[in-house]
Amino acid sequence: MASSPNSRLAILSRHFTSAASASKAGQNLGWIKISPEVSEALKHRSPIVALESTIISHGMPYPQNFETAKELEVIVRENGAVPATIAILDGVPCIGLTTEELEILARLGSKARKTASRDIALVMAGRENGATTVSATMYLASMVGIPVFVTGGVGGVHRHGENTMDISSDLTELGNTPVAVISAGVKSILDIPRTLEYLETQRVTVAAYKTDEFPAFFTQTSGCKAPARVESPEHCARVIDANIRLGRKSGMLIAVPIPREHSASGSLIESAIQQALQEAREKKITGNAETPFLLARVNQLTGGASLASNIALVKNNASVGAKIAVSLAQLQKHSDKRL
């Protein structure tokens, strides 16, 4: 007989509780290392925000990447949650990094392997250093029971994807991993309308934060209507909690528009994107190398405006995501008391 959603949730809860209880300060639990701070937060069901590491190694140059990584963790803490930056170091998945580990990744830059969920086993077996993408960060966060994850923007269907079939694994991971991803929408170098269609196919709940239009990473508007709208951290928390209670295996995407004062010129960005795409085709840059190339080239073509916007939007996402994590933890503790 198939188990009920409630029984599956109970089994999952016991698994996460035992993993958190078993983890002592920084102990390596066979194949995964949880920092003391994150371990304590899991044990006490305190709010935690997962953070990816590809943005450190591949998203920005050193030392801006290192400074931004530290600032993101400060923002999460200031808003009441525990930051858990996720990466793979010497083949060991790490949930929560020290300042020294953050700097190692920042200095490694693109020498760290860009690691999607499909690559985790390869990086572990090769004892490599891996910077986790959205899909890998979601997967590892879910393994230890962290339901909220903040990033800059998710991957999606690449432009001309109807011919190349170049579709980010972020989207399929969202369809199979119950983690809420807080981002500034989909990277504007991608095909946003097709990405939204693909997310619908993957059964992913998509909502825009305090707006009816789906944001486009560097800019507040994309020309696409958001499938749903959420009004506050508390509203987001209720949706996430409902998704957990339903026992759904898919995640959700909460798209937070970049603050208006940091929004880049839409025409400037689009012109730079078109030129970068043309150069990528001429140089035959494809696969997981394409997005880092496009972002770096767009930054060059906009005179640094896109990088400044990128840093501003991920900091804003960290603030919103931490507030959502706090609201979710409070909601779940209140629900426990009523049982």
C-alpha atoms as a PDB file:
ATOM      1  CA  MET A   1       0.000   0.000   0.000  1.00  0.00           C
ATOM      2  CA  ALA A   2       1.340   3.441  -0.909  1.00  0.00           C
ATOM      3  CA  SER A   3       2.294   5.592   2.052  1.00  0.00           C
ATOM      4  CA  SER A   4       0.286   8.736   2.741  1.00  0.00           C
ATOM      5  CA  PRO A   5       1.845  12.216   2.345  1.00  0.00           C
ATOM      6  CA  ASN A   6       1.735  12.613   6.146  1.00  0.00           C
ATOM      7  CA  SER A   7       3.639   9.377   6.756  1.00  0.00           C
ATOM      8  CA  ARG A   8       6.233  10.287   4.140  1.00  0.00           C
ATOM      9  CA  LEU A   9       6.666  13.673   5.787  1.00  0.00           C
ATOM     10  CA  ALA A  10       7.102  11.984   9.164  1.00  0.00           C
ATOM     11  CA  ILE A  11       9.795   9.682   7.774  1.00  0.00           C
ATOM     12  CA  LEU A  12      11.532  12.637   6.124  1.00  0.00           C
ATOM     13  CA  SER A  13      11.320  14.652   9.336  1.00  0.00           C
ATOM     14  CA  ARG A  14      12.874  11.812  11.365  1.00  0.00           C
ATOM     15  CA  HIS A  15      15.653  11.478   8.803  1.00  0.00           C
ATOM     16  CA  PHE A  16      16.506  15.172   8.957  1.00  0.00           C
ATOM     17  CA  THR A  17      16.229  15.270  12.748  1.00  0.00           C
ATOM     18  CA  SER A  18      18.560  12.307  13.185  1.00  0.00           C
ATOM     19  CA  ALA A  19      21.061  13.801  10.735  1.00  0.00           C
ATOM     20  CA  ALA A  20      21.046  17.100  12.590  1.00  0.00           C
ATOM     21  CA  SER A  21      21.262  15.453  16.003  1.00  0.00           C
ATOM     22  CA  ALA A  22      24.107  13.195  14.923  1.00  0.00           C
ATOM     23  CA  SER A  23      26.198  16.065  13.603  1.00  0.00           C
ATOM     24  CA  LYS A  24      28.622  17.353  16.161  1.00  0.00           C
ATOM     25  CA  ALA A  25      30.714  20.479  15.671  1.00  0.00           C
ATOM     26  CA  GLY A  26      31.945  20.298  12.098  1.00  0.00           C
ATOM     27  CA  GLN A  27      31.775  16.489  12.033  1.00  0.00           C
ATOM     28  CA  ASN A  28      31.974  14.831   8.624  1.00  0.00           C
ATOM     29  CA  LEU A  29      28.907  12.560   8.453  1.00  0.00           C
ATOM     30  CA  GLY A  30      30.403  10.018   6.066  1.00  0.00           C
ATOM     31  CA  TRP A  31      29.985  12.046   2.905  1.00  0.00           C
ATOM     32  CA  ILE A  32      28.738  15.482   3.934  1.00  0.00           C
ATOM     33  CA  LYS A  33      30.185  18.090   6.290  1.00  0.00           C
ATOM     34  CA  ILE A  34      27.824  20.415   8.161  1.00  0.00           C
ATOM     35  CA  SER A  35      29.312  23.437   9.898  1.00  0.00           C
ATOM     36  CA  PRO A  36      28.761  23.759  13.675  1.00  0.00           C
ATOM     37  CA  GLU A  37      26.535  26.826  13.213  1.00  0.00           C
ATOM     38  CA  VAL A  38      24.326  25.189  10.605  1.00  0.00           C
ATOM     39  CA  SER A  39      24.227  21.939  12.586  1.00  0.00           C
ATOM     40  CA  GLU A  40      22.921  23.763  15.656  1.00  0.00           C
ATOM     41  CA  ALA A  41      20.357  25.634  13.579  1.00  0.00           C
ATOM     42  CA  LEU A  42      19.091  22.362  12.078  1.00  0.00           C
ATOM     43  CA  LYS A  43      18.892  20.779  15.514  1.00  0.00           C
ATOM     44  CA  HIS A  44      16.792  23.638  16.900  1.00  0.00           C
ATOM     45  CA  ARG A  45      14.826  24.202  13.665  1.00  0.00           C
ATOM     46  CA  SER A  46      16.105  27.754  13.456  1.00  0.00           C
ATOM     47  CA  PRO A  47      15.793  29.655  10.153  1.00  0.00           C
ATOM     48  CA  ILE A  48      18.540  28.851   7.640  1.00  0.00           C
ATOM     49  CA  VAL A  49      19.233  30.257   4.179  1.00  0.00           C
ATOM     50  CA  ALA A  50      21.227  28.197   1.692  1.00  0.00           C
ATOM     51  CA  LEU A  51      23.578  30.137  -0.590  1.00  0.00           C
ATOM     52  CA  GLU A  52      25.260  28.875  -3.752  1.00  0.00           C
ATOM     53  CA  SER A  53      28.988  29.071  -4.472  1.00  0.00           C
ATOM     54  CA  THR A  54      29.103  29.404  -8.265  1.00  0.00           C
ATOM     55  CA  ILE A  55      28.345  33.093  -7.841  1.00  0.00           C
ATOM     56  CA  ILE A  56      31.613  33.286  -5.860  1.00  0.00           C
ATOM     57  CA  SER A  57      33.811  31.356  -8.271  1.00  0.00           C
ATOM     58  CA  HIS A  58      32.249  32.073 -11.664  1.00  0.00           C
ATOM     59  CA  GLY A  59      29.912  35.029 -11.205  1.00  0.00           C
ATOM     60  CA  MET A  60      32.313  37.814 -10.223  1.00  0.00           C
ATOM     61  CA  PRO A  61      36.037  38.592 -10.274  1.00  0.00           C
ATOM     62  CA  TYR A  62      38.239  38.494  -7.171  1.00  0.00           C
ATOM     63  CA  PRO A  63      38.114  40.297  -4.726  1.00  0.00           C
ATOM     64  CA  GLN A  64      34.542  41.473  -5.418  1.00  0.00           C
ATOM     65  CA  ASN A  65      33.352  37.883  -5.239  1.00  0.00           C
ATOM     66  CA  PHE A  66      34.902  37.345  -1.798  1.00  0.00           C
ATOM     67  CA  GLU A  67      33.566  40.627  -0.409  1.00  0.00           C
ATOM     68  CA  THR A  68      30.099  39.932  -1.826  1.00  0.00           C
ATOM     69  CA  ALA A  69      30.062  36.416  -0.351  1.00  0.00           C
ATOM     70  CA  LYS A  70      30.883  37.771   3.109  1.00  0.00           C
ATOM     71  CA  GLU A  71      28.333  40.586   2.773  1.00  0.00           C
ATOM     72  CA  LEU A  72      25.595  38.132   1.793  1.00  0.00           C
ATOM     73  CA  GLU A  73      26.186  36.117   4.956  1.00  0.00           C
ATOM     74  CA  VAL A  74      26.094  39.305   7.041  1.00  0.00           C
ATOM     75  CA  ILE A  75      22.780  40.325   5.446  1.00  0.00           C
ATOM     76  CA  VAL A  76      21.262  36.912   6.167  1.00  0.00           C
ATOM     77  CA  ARG A  77      22.359  37.131   9.817  1.00  0.00           C
ATOM     78  CA  GLU A  78      21.122  40.717  10.205  1.00  0.00           C
ATOM     79  CA  ASN A  79      17.681  39.535   9.113  1.00  0.00           C
ATOM     80  CA  GLY A  80      17.549  36.738  11.681  1.00  0.00           C
ATOM     81  CA  ALA A  81      18.661  33.633   9.792  1.00  0.00           C
ATOM     82  CA  VAL A  82      21.767  31.442   9.616  1.00  0.00           C
ATOM     83  CA  PRO A  83      23.653  31.496   6.278  1.00  0.00           C
ATOM     84  CA  ALA A  84      24.698  28.147   4.802  1.00  0.00           C
ATOM     85  CA  THR A  85      26.952  28.654   1.804  1.00  0.00           C
ATOM     86  CA  ILE A  86      27.273  25.320   0.006  1.00  0.00           C
ATOM     87  CA  ALA A  87      30.277  24.033  -1.925  1.00  0.00           C
ATOM     88  CA  ILE A  88      32.370  20.897  -2.434  1.00  0.00           C
ATOM     89  CA  LEU A  89      35.914  21.098  -1.055  1.00  0.00           C
ATOM     90  CA  ASP A  90      38.410  18.315  -1.741  1.00  0.00           C
ATOM     91  CA  GLY A  91      35.515  16.079  -2.713  1.00  0.00           C
ATOM     92  CA  VAL A  92      33.457  16.708   0.429  1.00  0.00           C
ATOM     93  CA  PRO A  93      30.091  18.515   0.153  1.00  0.00           C
ATOM     94  CA  CYS A  94      30.114  21.294   2.752  1.00  0.00           C
ATOM     95  CA  ILE A  95      26.995  22.905   4.190  1.00  0.00           C
ATOM     96  CA  GLY A  96      28.192  26.177   5.685  1.00  0.00           C
ATOM     97  CA  LEU A  97      31.661  27.579   4.984  1.00  0.00           C
ATOM     98  CA  THR A  98      34.216  29.393   7.124  1.00  0.00           C
ATOM     99  CA  THR A  99      35.588  32.758   6.004  1.00  0.00           C
ATOM    100  CA  GLU A 100      38.806  30.994   5.037  1.00  0.00           C
ATOM    101  CA  GLU A 101      36.906  28.500   2.876  1.00  0.00           C
ATOM    102  CA  LEU A 102      34.990  31.320   1.205  1.00  0.00           C
ATOM    103  CA  GLU A 103      38.272  32.974   0.290  1.00  0.00           C
ATOM    104  CA  ILE A 104      39.701  29.729  -1.072  1.00  0.00           C
ATOM    105  CA  LEU A 105      36.775  29.481  -3.484  1.00  0.00           C
ATOM    106  CA  ALA A 106      36.989  33.165  -4.368  1.00  0.00           C
ATOM    107  CA  ARG A 107      40.679  32.880  -5.220  1.00  0.00           C
ATOM    108  CA  LEU A 108      40.178  29.654  -7.160  1.00  0.00           C
ATOM    109  CA  GLY A 109      37.614  31.359  -9.344  1.00  0.00           C
ATOM    110  CA  SER A 110      36.880  29.383 -12.480  1.00  0.00           C
ATOM    111  CA  LYS A 111      39.530  26.803 -11.480  1.00  0.00           C
ATOM    112  CA  ALA A 112      36.852  25.405  -9.162  1.00  0.00           C
ATOM    113  CA  ARG A 113      34.638  23.062 -11.131  1.00  0.00           C
ATOM    114  CA  LYS A 114      31.219  24.471 -11.938  1.00  0.00           C
ATOM    115  CA  THR A 115      29.087  21.761 -10.362  1.00  0.00           C
ATOM    116  CA  ALA A 116      25.481  21.064 -11.292  1.00  0.00           C
ATOM    117  CA  SER A 117      23.544  18.297  -9.548  1.00  0.00           C
ATOM    118  CA  ARG A 118      24.608  15.759 -12.196  1.00  0.00           C
ATOM    119  CA  ASP A 119      28.275  16.510 -11.397  1.00  0.00           C
ATOM    120  CA  ILE A 120      28.233  16.065  -7.613  1.00  0.00           C
ATOM    121  CA  ALA A 121      29.259  12.391  -7.686  1.00  0.00           C
ATOM    122  CA  LEU A 122      32.071  13.089 -10.165  1.00  0.00           C
ATOM    123  CA  VAL A 123      33.487  15.930  -8.059  1.00  0.00           C
ATOM    124  CA  MET A 124      33.279  13.825  -4.899  1.00  0.00           C
ATOM    125  CA  ALA A 125      34.955  10.818  -6.518  1.00  0.00           C
ATOM    126  CA  GLY A 126      37.720  12.983  -7.976  1.00  0.00           C
ATOM    127  CA  ARG A 127      38.226  14.808  -4.657  1.00  0.00           C
ATOM    128  CA  GLU A 128      37.879  18.067  -6.550  1.00  0.00           C
ATOM    129  CA  ASN A 129      36.803  21.539  -5.505  1.00  0.00           C
ATOM    130  CA  GLY A 130      33.332  22.249  -6.805  1.00  0.00           C
ATOM    131  CA  ALA A 131      31.322  25.466  -6.879  1.00  0.00           C
ATOM    132  CA  THR A 132      27.659  24.499  -6.723  1.00  0.00           C
ATOM    133  CA  THR A 133      25.139  25.869  -9.195  1.00  0.00           C
ATOM    134  CA  VAL A 134      21.462  26.369  -8.403  1.00  0.00           C
ATOM    135  CA  SER A 135      20.645  22.714  -9.110  1.00  0.00           C
ATOM    136  CA  ALA A 136      23.468  21.277  -6.972  1.00  0.00           C
ATOM    137  CA  THR A 137      22.830  23.732  -4.134  1.00  0.00           C
ATOM    138  CA  MET A 138      19.130  22.854  -4.133  1.00  0.00           C
ATOM    139  CA  TYR A 139      19.899  19.143  -4.035  1.00  0.00           C
ATOM    140  CA  LEU A 140      22.383  19.364  -1.154  1.00  0.00           C
ATOM    141  CA  ALA A 141      20.204  21.814   0.797  1.00  0.00           C
ATOM    142  CA  SER A 142      17.279  19.426   0.477  1.00  0.00           C
ATOM    143  CA  MET A 143      19.416  16.489   1.656  1.00  0.00           C
ATOM    144  CA  VAL A 144      19.982  18.144   5.040  1.00  0.00           C
ATOM    145  CA  GLY A 145      16.540  19.745   5.359  1.00  0.00           C
ATOM    146  CA  ILE A 146      17.086  23.408   4.400  1.00  0.00           C
ATOM    147  CA  PRO A 147      13.910  24.599   2.634  1.00  0.00           C
ATOM    148  CA  VAL A 148      14.963  28.145   1.586  1.00  0.00           C
ATOM    149  CA  PHE A 149      17.716  29.008  -0.873  1.00  0.00           C
ATOM    150  CA  VAL A 150      18.819  32.432  -2.132  1.00  0.00           C
ATOM    151  CA  THR A 151      20.590  33.050  -5.427  1.00  0.00           C
ATOM    152  CA  GLY A 152      20.977  35.832  -7.990  1.00  0.00           C
ATOM    153  CA  GLY A 153      19.040  34.359 -10.882  1.00  0.00           C
ATOM    154  CA  VAL A 154      18.172  30.852 -12.006  1.00  0.00           C
ATOM    155  CA  GLY A 155      19.161  29.301 -15.296  1.00  0.00           C
ATOM    156  CA  GLY A 156      16.591  28.536 -17.930  1.00  0.00           C
ATOM    157  CA  VAL A 157      15.930  27.877 -21.591  1.00  0.00           C
ATOM    158  CA  HIS A 158      18.697  29.488 -23.612  1.00  0.00           C
ATOM    159  CA  ARG A 159      17.844  31.729 -26.528  1.00  0.00           C
ATOM    160  CA  HIS A 160      17.418  29.547 -29.632  1.00  0.00           C
ATOM    161  CA  GLY A 161      16.879  26.673 -27.190  1.00  0.00           C
ATOM    162  CA  GLU A 162      14.123  25.354 -29.454  1.00  0.00           C
ATOM    163  CA  ASN A 163      16.946  24.374 -31.828  1.00  0.00           C
ATOM    164  CA  THR A 164      19.826  23.597 -29.461  1.00  0.00           C
ATOM    165  CA  MET A 165      17.794  22.032 -26.614  1.00  0.00           C
ATOM    166  CA  ASP A 166      20.091  23.952 -24.241  1.00  0.00           C
ATOM    167  CA  ILE A 167      17.999  23.991 -21.068  1.00  0.00           C
ATOM    168  CA  SER A 168      19.490  24.508 -17.624  1.00  0.00           C
ATOM    169  CA  SER A 169      19.280  21.648 -15.141  1.00  0.00           C
ATOM    170  CA  ASP A 170      18.123  24.296 -12.643  1.00  0.00           C
ATOM    171  CA  LEU A 171      14.644  23.894 -14.117  1.00  0.00           C
ATOM    172  CA  THR A 172      14.434  20.118 -13.834  1.00  0.00           C
ATOM    173  CA  GLU A 173      15.885  20.304 -10.312  1.00  0.00           C
ATOM    174  CA  LEU A 174      13.141  22.761  -9.406  1.00  0.00           C
ATOM    175  CA  GLY A 175      10.680  20.176 -10.677  1.00  0.00           C
ATOM    176  CA  ASN A 176      12.124  17.420  -8.486  1.00  0.00           C
ATOM    177  CA  THR A 177      13.492  19.022  -5.311  1.00  0.00           C
ATOM    178  CA  PRO A 178      11.260  20.604  -2.621  1.00  0.00           C
ATOM    179  CA  VAL A 179      13.267  23.778  -1.983  1.00  0.00           C
ATOM    180  CA  ALA A 180      12.036  27.359  -2.375  1.00  0.00           C
ATOM    181  CA  VAL A 181      14.423  29.395  -4.520  1.00  0.00           C
ATOM    182  CA  ILE A 182      14.450  33.157  -4.030  1.00  0.00           C
ATOM    183  CA  SER A 183      15.972  34.894  -7.047  1.00  0.00           C
ATOM    184  CA  ALA A 184      15.657  37.990  -9.218  1.00  0.00           C
ATOM    185  CA  GLY A 185      13.812  35.869 -11.736  1.00  0.00           C
ATOM    186  CA  VAL A 186      15.559  34.255 -14.692  1.00  0.00           C
ATOM    187  CA  LYS A 187      18.825  35.611 -16.062  1.00  0.00           C
ATOM    188  CA  SER A 188      17.940  38.066 -18.823  1.00  0.00           C
ATOM    189  CA  ILE A 189      20.469  36.473 -21.201  1.00  0.00           C
ATOM    190  CA  LEU A 190      17.963  33.601 -21.490  1.00  0.00           C
ATOM    191  CA  ASP A 191      14.583  33.053 -23.162  1.00  0.00           C
ATOM    192  CA  ILE A 192      12.256  34.058 -20.328  1.00  0.00           C
ATOM    193  CA  PRO A 193       8.866  33.197 -21.937  1.00  0.00           C
ATOM    194  CA  ARG A 194      10.015  29.665 -22.831  1.00  0.00           C
ATOM    195  CA  THR A 195      11.583  29.263 -19.401  1.00  0.00           C
ATOM    196  CA  LEU A 196       8.256  30.057 -17.729  1.00  0.00           C
ATOM    197  CA  GLU A 197       6.526  27.548 -20.003  1.00  0.00           C
ATOM    198  CA  TYR A 198       9.077  24.888 -19.081  1.00  0.00           C
ATOM    199  CA  LEU A 199       8.664  25.590 -15.361  1.00  0.00           C
ATOM    200  CA  GLU A 200       4.918  25.055 -15.760  1.00  0.00           C
ATOM    201  CA  THR A 201       5.616  21.697 -17.416  1.00  0.00           C
ATOM    202  CA  GLN A 202       7.870  20.793 -14.477  1.00  0.00           C
ATOM    203  CA  ARG A 203       5.014  21.555 -12.005  1.00  0.00           C
ATOM    204  CA  VAL A 204       6.997  24.356 -10.343  1.00  0.00           C
ATOM    205  CA  THR A 205       5.074  26.975  -8.367  1.00  0.00           C
ATOM    206  CA  VAL A 206       6.232  30.383  -9.635  1.00  0.00           C
ATOM    207  CA  ALA A 207       5.332  33.666  -7.948  1.00  0.00           C
ATOM    208  CA  ALA A 208       6.587  37.239  -8.202  1.00  0.00           C
ATOM    209  CA  TYR A 209       7.236  39.230  -5.035  1.00  0.00           C
ATOM    210  CA  LYS A 210       4.985  42.300  -4.708  1.00  0.00           C
ATOM    211  CA  THR A 211       4.532  42.612  -8.474  1.00  0.00           C
ATOM    212  CA  ASP A 212       2.361  41.202 -11.258  1.00  0.00           C
ATOM    213  CA  GLU A 213       5.172  41.073 -13.821  1.00  0.00           C
ATOM    214  CA  PHE A 214       7.923  38.498 -13.810  1.00  0.00           C
ATOM    215  CA  PRO A 215      11.284  40.259 -13.264  1.00  0.00           C
ATOM    216  CA  ALA A 216      14.224  39.908 -15.665  1.00  0.00           C
ATOM    217  CA  PHE A 217      17.270  39.804 -13.396  1.00  0.00           C
ATOM    218  CA  PHE A 218      18.983  43.102 -14.325  1.00  0.00           C
ATOM    219  CA  THR A 219      15.634  44.856 -14.799  1.00  0.00           C
ATOM    220  CA  GLN A 220      12.296  44.845 -12.973  1.00  0.00           C
ATOM    221  CA  THR A 221      10.230  43.920 -15.993  1.00  0.00           C
ATOM    222  CA  SER A 222      10.379  41.191 -18.633  1.00  0.00           C
ATOM    223  CA  GLY A 223       7.130  41.717 -20.508  1.00  0.00           C
ATOM    224  CA  CYS A 224       5.853  38.424 -19.056  1.00  0.00           C
ATOM    225  CA  LYS A 225       3.001  38.241 -16.575  1.00  0.00           C
ATOM    226  CA  ALA A 226       3.919  36.346 -13.419  1.00  0.00           C
ATOM    227  CA  PRO A 227       1.868  33.154 -12.841  1.00  0.00           C
ATOM    228  CA  ALA A 228       1.127  34.296  -9.270  1.00  0.00           C
ATOM    229  CA  ARG A 229       1.903  37.087  -6.813  1.00  0.00           C
ATOM    230  CA  VAL A 230       3.025  37.019  -3.165  1.00  0.00           C
ATOM    231  CA  GLU A 231       2.862  40.073  -0.963  1.00  0.00           C
ATOM    232  CA  SER A 232       5.137  39.516   2.034  1.00  0.00           C
ATOM    233  CA  PRO A 233       7.619  37.143   3.683  1.00  0.00           C
ATOM    234  CA  GLU A 234       4.723  35.745   5.712  1.00  0.00           C
ATOM    235  CA  HIS A 235       2.717  35.085   2.541  1.00  0.00           C
ATOM    236  CA  CYS A 236       5.726  33.308   0.992  1.00  0.00           C
ATOM    237  CA  ALA A 237       6.174  31.229   4.141  1.00  0.00           C
ATOM    238  CA  ARG A 238       2.544  30.083   4.034  1.00  0.00           C
ATOM    239  CA  VAL A 239       2.937  28.947   0.416  1.00  0.00           C
ATOM    240  CA  ILE A 240       6.178  27.077   1.191  1.00  0.00           C
ATOM    241  CA  ASP A 241       4.616  25.478   4.259  1.00  0.00           C
ATOM    242  CA  ALA A 242       1.584  24.376   2.233  1.00  0.00           C
ATOM    243  CA  ASN A 243       3.890  22.844  -0.385  1.00  0.00           C
ATOM    244  CA  ILE A 244       5.662  20.868   2.364  1.00  0.00           C
ATOM    245  CA  ARG A 245       2.395  19.714   3.949  1.00  0.00           C
ATOM    246  CA  LEU A 246       1.118  18.536   0.585  1.00  0.00           C
ATOM    247  CA  GLY A 247       4.178  16.327   0.264  1.00  0.00           C
ATOM    248  CA  ARG A 248       4.966  17.721  -3.174  1.00  0.00           C
ATOM    249  CA  LYS A 249       8.375  16.795  -4.526  1.00  0.00           C
ATOM    250  CA  SER A 250       8.749  19.918  -6.644  1.00  0.00           C
ATOM    251  CA  GLY A 251      10.193  23.209  -5.470  1.00  0.00           C
ATOM    252  CA  MET A 252       9.096  26.755  -6.073  1.00  0.00           C
ATOM    253  CA  LEU A 253      10.535  29.936  -7.518  1.00  0.00           C
ATOM    254  CA  ILE A 254       9.913  33.272  -5.816  1.00  0.00           C
ATOM    255  CA  ALA A 255      11.027  36.053  -8.158  1.00  0.00           C
ATOM    256  CA  VAL A 256      12.067  39.282  -6.433  1.00  0.00           C
ATOM    257  CA  PRO A 257      12.529  42.350  -8.676  1.00  0.00           C
ATOM    258  CA  ILE A 258      15.833  44.167  -8.447  1.00  0.00           C
ATOM    259  CA  PRO A 259      15.414  47.439  -6.495  1.00  0.00           C
ATOM    260  CA  ARG A 260      14.489  50.230  -8.903  1.00  0.00           C
ATOM    261  CA  GLU A 261      17.505  52.354  -7.996  1.00  0.00           C
ATOM    262  CA  HIS A 262      19.808  49.536  -9.094  1.00  0.00           C
ATOM    263  CA  SER A 263      17.902  48.460 -12.188  1.00  0.00           C
ATOM    264  CA  ALA A 264      19.969  48.662 -15.354  1.00  0.00           C
ATOM    265  CA  SER A 265      18.727  50.206 -18.582  1.00  0.00           C
ATOM    266  CA  GLY A 266      16.722  47.567 -20.405  1.00  0.00           C
ATOM    267  CA  SER A 267      17.830  48.742 -23.864  1.00  0.00           C
ATOM    268  CA  LEU A 268      21.494  48.918 -22.800  1.00  0.00           C
ATOM    269  CA  ILE A 269      21.407  45.398 -21.368  1.00  0.00           C
ATOM    270  CA  GLU A 270      19.546  43.905 -24.339  1.00  0.00           C
ATOM    271  CA  SER A 271      21.979  45.434 -26.826  1.00  0.00           C
ATOM    272  CA  ALA A 272      24.920  44.016 -24.858  1.00  0.00           C
ATOM    273  CA  ILE A 273      23.230  40.599 -24.619  1.00  0.00           C
ATOM    274  CA  GLN A 274      22.685  40.431 -28.376  1.00  0.00           C
ATOM    275  CA  GLN A 275      26.340  41.257 -29.052  1.00  0.00           C
ATOM    276  CA  ALA A 276      27.529  38.743 -26.425  1.00  0.00           C
ATOM    277  CA  LEU A 277      25.296  36.018 -27.886  1.00  0.00           C
ATOM    278  CA  GLN A 278      26.700  36.661 -31.361  1.00  0.00           C
ATOM    279  CA  GLU A 279      30.261  36.439 -30.038  1.00  0.00           C
ATOM    280  CA  ALA A 280      29.470  33.215 -28.182  1.00  0.00           C
ATOM    281  CA  ARG A 281      28.148  31.650 -31.397  1.00  0.00           C
ATOM    282  CA  GLU A 282      31.202  32.791 -33.355  1.00  0.00           C
ATOM    283  CA  LYS A 283      33.530  31.342 -30.708  1.00  0.00           C
ATOM    284  CA  LYS A 284      31.387  28.186 -30.430  1.00  0.00           C
ATOM    285  CA  ILE A 285      30.968  28.641 -26.666  1.00  0.00           C
ATOM    286  CA  THR A 286      28.180  26.337 -25.509  1.00  0.00           C
ATOM    287  CA  GLY A 287      27.011  24.268 -22.540  1.00  0.00           C
ATOM    288  CA  ASN A 288      27.865  25.285 -19.007  1.00  0.00           C
ATOM    289  CA  ALA A 289      30.598  27.632 -20.275  1.00  0.00           C
ATOM    290  CA  GLU A 290      28.088  29.860 -22.043  1.00  0.00           C
ATOM    291  CA  THR A 291      26.409  31.578 -19.092  1.00  0.00           C
ATOM    292  CA  PRO A 292      29.670  32.689 -17.371  1.00  0.00           C
ATOM    293  CA  PHE A 293      30.957  33.973 -20.731  1.00  0.00           C
ATOM    294  CA  LEU A 294      27.761  35.893 -21.466  1.00  0.00           C
ATOM    295  CA  LEU A 295      27.568  37.475 -18.010  1.00  0.00           C
ATOM    296  CA  ALA A 296      31.226  38.523 -18.118  1.00  0.00           C
ATOM    297  CA  ARG A 297      30.933  39.905 -21.649  1.00  0.00           C
ATOM    298  CA  VAL A 298      27.729  41.806 -20.872  1.00  0.00           C
ATOM    299  CA  ASN A 299      29.495  43.341 -17.886  1.00  0.00           C
ATOM    300  CA  GLN A 300      32.347  44.476 -20.145  1.00  0.00           C
ATOM    301  CA  LEU A 301      30.001  45.889 -22.752  1.00  0.00           C
ATOM    302  CA  THR A 302      27.978  47.828 -20.169  1.00  0.00           C
ATOM    303  CA  GLY A 303      31.037  49.290 -18.506  1.00  0.00           C
ATOM    304  CA  GLY A 304      30.459  47.401 -15.279  1.00  0.00           C
ATOM    305  CA  ALA A 305      26.802  48.414 -14.944  1.00  0.00           C
ATOM    306  CA  SER A 306      25.552  44.823 -15.119  1.00  0.00           C
ATOM    307  CA  LEU A 307      27.971  43.613 -12.407  1.00  0.00           C
ATOM    308  CA  ALA A 308      26.878  46.432 -10.092  1.00  0.00           C
ATOM    309  CA  SER A 309      23.261  45.438 -10.703  1.00  0.00           C
ATOM    310  CA  ASN A 310      24.108  41.760 -10.118  1.00  0.00           C
ATOM    311  CA  ILE A 311      25.648  42.501  -6.716  1.00  0.00           C
ATOM    312  CA  ALA A 312      22.742  44.741  -5.700  1.00  0.00           C
ATOM    313  CA  LEU A 313      20.053  42.235  -6.655  1.00  0.00           C
ATOM    314  CA  VAL A 314      21.631  39.254  -4.872  1.00  0.00           C
ATOM    315  CA  LYS A 315      21.992  41.335  -1.691  1.00  0.00           C
ATOM    316  CA  ASN A 316      18.322  42.276  -1.935  1.00  0.00           C
ATOM    317  CA  ASN A 317      17.404  38.629  -2.473  1.00  0.00           C
ATOM    318  CA  ALA A 318      19.408  37.662   0.624  1.00  0.00           C
ATOM    319  CA  SER A 319      17.440  40.149   2.726  1.00  0.00           C
ATOM    320  CA  VAL A 320      14.075  38.958   1.418  1.00  0.00           C
ATOM    321  CA  GLY A 321      15.070  35.287   1.597  1.00  0.00           C
ATOM    322  CA  ALA A 322      16.201  35.559   5.215  1.00  0.00           C
ATOM    323  CA  LYS A 323      12.904  37.181   6.188  1.00  0.00           C
ATOM    324  CA  ILE A 324      11.043  34.361   4.433  1.00  0.00           C
ATOM    325  CA  ALA A 325      13.123  31.744   6.271  1.00  0.00           C
ATOM    326  CA  VAL A 326      12.382  33.428   9.623  1.00  0.00           C
ATOM    327  CA  SER A 327       8.647  33.573   8.860  1.00  0.00           C
ATOM    328  CA  LEU A 328       8.647  29.913   7.800  1.00  0.00           C
ATOM    329  CA  ALA A 329      10.455  28.779  10.962  1.00  0.00           C
ATOM    330  CA  GLN A 330       8.003  30.740  13.134  1.00  0.00           C
ATOM    331  CA  LEU A 331       5.018  29.321  11.255  1.00  0.00           C
ATOM    332  CA  GLN A 332       6.255  25.744  11.590  1.00  0.00           C
ATOM    333  CA  LYS A 333       7.017  26.089  15.302  1.00  0.00           C
ATOM    334  CA  HIS A 334       3.549  27.563  15.875  1.00  0.00           C
ATOM    335  CA  SER A 335       1.993  24.672  13.943  1.00  0.00           C
ATOM    336  CA  ASP A 336       3.941  22.149  16.063  1.00  0.00           C
ATOM    337  CA  LYS A 337       2.583  23.682  19.268  1.00  0.00           C
ATOM    338  CA  ARG A 338      -0.979  23.200  18.056  1.00  0.00           C
ATOM    339  CA  LEU A 339      -0.461  19.486  17.421  1.00  0.00           C
END
